[in-house]
Amino acid sequence: MESEWTAESVQRITTENTTLKQRVRQLTTDNRTLDERLKAARPNIRFQDRRIADLEARLADPESAT
């Protein structure tokens, strides 16, 4: 089968394969980075949700806040 391919075709496919492997590595790294950011953001959101709920409760019943 390889004998039917020209050296130029083999080189082109090899180069494309290398490029695709590099792209997969980059996307994997990007995905890992975004996943870490998401994991860090979740506790921040939970904290903000609790803070908002507390402020809403204070606004709803200012007497109990003092």
N, C-alpha and C. Protein backbone atom coordinates (compact mmCIF):
# COMPACT_ATOMS: atom_id res chain seq x y z
N MET A 1 0.82 -1.19 0.00
CA MET A 1 0.00 0.00 0.00
C MET A 1 0.87 1.26 0.00
N GLU A 2 1.95 1.26 0.79
CA GLU A 2 2.83 2.43 0.85
C GLU A 2 3.50 2.70 -0.49
N SER A 3 3.68 1.68 -1.28
CA SER A 3 4.34 1.88 -2.57
C SER A 3 3.48 2.73 -3.50
N GLU A 4 2.18 2.79 -3.26
CA GLU A 4 1.29 3.59 -4.08
C GLU A 4 1.36 5.07 -3.70
N TRP A 5 1.92 5.37 -2.58
CA TRP A 5 1.98 6.75 -2.10
C TRP A 5 3.30 7.38 -2.52
N THR A 6 3.23 8.62 -2.89
CA THR A 6 4.46 9.33 -3.25
C THR A 6 5.13 9.81 -1.96
N ALA A 7 6.39 10.12 -2.09
CA ALA A 7 7.14 10.63 -0.93
C ALA A 7 6.51 11.94 -0.45
N GLU A 8 6.01 12.73 -1.38
CA GLU A 8 5.36 14.00 -1.03
C GLU A 8 4.09 13.76 -0.21
N SER A 9 3.30 12.76 -0.59
CA SER A 9 2.08 12.43 0.14
C SER A 9 2.40 11.95 1.55
N VAL A 10 3.41 11.11 1.65
CA VAL A 10 3.81 10.59 2.96
C VAL A 10 4.28 11.74 3.85
N GLN A 11 5.08 12.64 3.28
CA GLN A 11 5.57 13.78 4.05
C GLN A 11 4.41 14.68 4.49
N ARG A 12 3.47 14.93 3.60
CA ARG A 12 2.33 15.78 3.93
C ARG A 12 1.50 15.17 5.05
N ILE A 13 1.25 13.88 4.96
CA ILE A 13 0.45 13.19 5.98
C ILE A 13 1.19 13.16 7.31
N THR A 14 2.49 12.92 7.27
CA THR A 14 3.31 12.92 8.49
C THR A 14 3.28 14.29 9.16
N THR A 15 3.42 15.34 8.36
CA THR A 15 3.38 16.70 8.89
C THR A 15 2.01 17.01 9.49
N GLU A 16 0.96 16.63 8.78
CA GLU A 16 -0.40 16.87 9.28
C GLU A 16 -0.65 16.10 10.57
N ASN A 17 -0.18 14.88 10.63
CA ASN A 17 -0.33 14.06 11.84
C ASN A 17 0.38 14.72 13.03
N THR A 18 1.59 15.20 12.80
CA THR A 18 2.34 15.87 13.86
C THR A 18 1.61 17.13 14.32
N THR A 19 1.10 17.89 13.37
CA THR A 19 0.35 19.10 13.71
C THR A 19 -0.90 18.76 14.53
N LEU A 20 -1.59 17.72 14.13
CA LEU A 20 -2.80 17.32 14.86
C LEU A 20 -2.47 16.84 16.27
N LYS A 21 -1.38 16.12 16.43
CA LYS A 21 -0.97 15.67 17.75
C LYS A 21 -0.64 16.86 18.65
N GLN A 22 0.04 17.86 18.10
CA GLN A 22 0.35 19.07 18.86
C GLN A 22 -0.93 19.79 19.26
N ARG A 23 -1.88 19.84 18.34
CA ARG A 23 -3.17 20.51 18.62
C ARG A 23 -3.92 19.77 19.72
N VAL A 24 -3.90 18.45 19.69
CA VAL A 24 -4.55 17.66 20.74
C VAL A 24 -3.90 17.95 22.09
N ARG A 25 -2.57 18.00 22.12
CA ARG A 25 -1.87 18.32 23.38
C ARG A 25 -2.26 19.70 23.89
N GLN A 26 -2.32 20.68 22.97
CA GLN A 26 -2.69 22.04 23.37
C GLN A 26 -4.12 22.10 23.88
N LEU A 27 -5.02 21.44 23.19
CA LEU A 27 -6.42 21.42 23.62
C LEU A 27 -6.58 20.71 24.97
N THR A 28 -5.83 19.65 25.18
CA THR A 28 -5.86 18.95 26.46
C THR A 28 -5.38 19.86 27.58
N THR A 29 -4.31 20.60 27.33
CA THR A 29 -3.79 21.55 28.32
C THR A 29 -4.81 22.65 28.59
N ASP A 30 -5.39 23.20 27.52
CA ASP A 30 -6.41 24.24 27.67
C ASP A 30 -7.60 23.73 28.46
N ASN A 31 -8.02 22.52 28.17
CA ASN A 31 -9.15 21.92 28.87
C ASN A 31 -8.85 21.76 30.35
N ARG A 32 -7.65 21.31 30.67
CA ARG A 32 -7.23 21.13 32.06
C ARG A 32 -7.24 22.48 32.79
N THR A 33 -6.72 23.51 32.13
CA THR A 33 -6.68 24.85 32.72
C THR A 33 -8.10 25.36 32.99
N LEU A 34 -8.98 25.21 32.02
CA LEU A 34 -10.36 25.66 32.20
C LEU A 34 -11.06 24.87 33.29
N ASP A 35 -10.78 23.58 33.37
CA ASP A 35 -11.38 22.76 34.43
C ASP A 35 -10.92 23.23 35.81
N GLU A 36 -9.64 23.56 35.93
CA GLU A 36 -9.13 24.07 37.21
C GLU A 36 -9.77 25.40 37.57
N ARG A 37 -9.95 26.27 36.58
CA ARG A 37 -10.62 27.55 36.84
C ARG A 37 -12.06 27.34 37.28
N LEU A 38 -12.74 26.41 36.63
CA LEU A 38 -14.12 26.11 36.99
C LEU A 38 -14.21 25.59 38.42
N LYS A 39 -13.31 24.68 38.78
CA LYS A 39 -13.30 24.14 40.13
C LYS A 39 -13.03 25.23 41.16
N ALA A 40 -12.19 26.20 40.82
CA ALA A 40 -11.91 27.31 41.73
C ALA A 40 -13.09 28.28 41.81
N ALA A 41 -13.81 28.43 40.73
CA ALA A 41 -14.93 29.39 40.70
C ALA A 41 -16.14 28.88 41.47
N ARG A 42 -16.34 27.59 41.52
CA ARG A 42 -17.54 27.05 42.18
C ARG A 42 -17.63 27.43 43.66
N PRO A 43 -16.57 27.30 44.45
CA PRO A 43 -16.68 27.73 45.85
C PRO A 43 -16.94 29.24 45.98
N ASN A 44 -16.37 30.02 45.07
CA ASN A 44 -16.60 31.45 45.10
C ASN A 44 -18.08 31.77 44.85
N ILE A 45 -18.67 31.07 43.92
CA ILE A 45 -20.09 31.28 43.63
C ILE A 45 -20.94 30.89 44.83
N ARG A 46 -20.61 29.77 45.45
CA ARG A 46 -21.39 29.34 46.63
C ARG A 46 -21.29 30.38 47.74
N PHE A 47 -20.08 30.92 47.96
CA PHE A 47 -19.89 31.95 48.97
C PHE A 47 -20.74 33.18 48.62
N GLN A 48 -20.70 33.61 47.36
CA GLN A 48 -21.48 34.77 46.95
C GLN A 48 -22.97 34.53 47.09
N ASP A 49 -23.43 33.32 46.77
CA ASP A 49 -24.84 32.99 46.94
C ASP A 49 -25.26 33.11 48.41
N ARG A 50 -24.41 32.60 49.32
CA ARG A 50 -24.73 32.71 50.75
C ARG A 50 -24.73 34.16 51.19
N ARG A 51 -23.80 34.93 50.70
CA ARG A 51 -23.71 36.35 51.05
C ARG A 51 -24.95 37.10 50.56
N ILE A 52 -25.38 36.84 49.35
CA ILE A 52 -26.59 37.48 48.81
C ILE A 52 -27.81 37.08 49.62
N ALA A 53 -27.91 35.80 49.96
CA ALA A 53 -29.05 35.35 50.77
C ALA A 53 -29.06 36.06 52.11
N ASP A 54 -27.90 36.23 52.72
CA ASP A 54 -27.81 36.93 54.00
C ASP A 54 -28.24 38.39 53.85
N LEU A 55 -27.76 39.05 52.81
CA LEU A 55 -28.15 40.45 52.59
C LEU A 55 -29.64 40.58 52.30
N GLU A 56 -30.20 39.65 51.53
CA GLU A 56 -31.64 39.68 51.27
C GLU A 56 -32.43 39.50 52.56
N ALA A 57 -31.97 38.61 53.43
CA ALA A 57 -32.65 38.38 54.70
C ALA A 57 -32.59 39.64 55.56
N ARG A 58 -31.46 40.32 55.54
CA ARG A 58 -31.34 41.57 56.31
C ARG A 58 -32.27 42.65 55.77
N LEU A 59 -32.39 42.71 54.47
CA LEU A 59 -33.29 43.70 53.87
C LEU A 59 -34.75 43.38 54.17
N ALA A 60 -35.09 42.11 54.18
CA ALA A 60 -36.46 41.69 54.42
C ALA A 60 -36.87 41.93 55.87
N ASP A 61 -35.93 41.76 56.80
CA ASP A 61 -36.23 41.93 58.22
C ASP A 61 -35.08 42.66 58.90
N PRO A 62 -35.04 43.99 58.75
CA PRO A 62 -33.93 44.76 59.31
C PRO A 62 -33.83 44.67 60.84
N GLU A 63 -34.92 44.40 61.52
CA GLU A 63 -34.90 44.32 62.98
C GLU A 63 -34.08 43.13 63.47
N SER A 64 -34.14 42.01 62.75
CA SER A 64 -33.42 40.81 63.18
C SER A 64 -31.92 40.90 62.90
N ALA A 65 -31.51 41.83 62.04
CA ALA A 65 -30.11 41.95 61.66
C ALA A 65 -29.30 42.64 62.76
N THR A 66 -29.94 43.35 63.67
CA THR A 66 -29.19 44.06 64.72
C THR A 66 -29.09 43.30 65.99
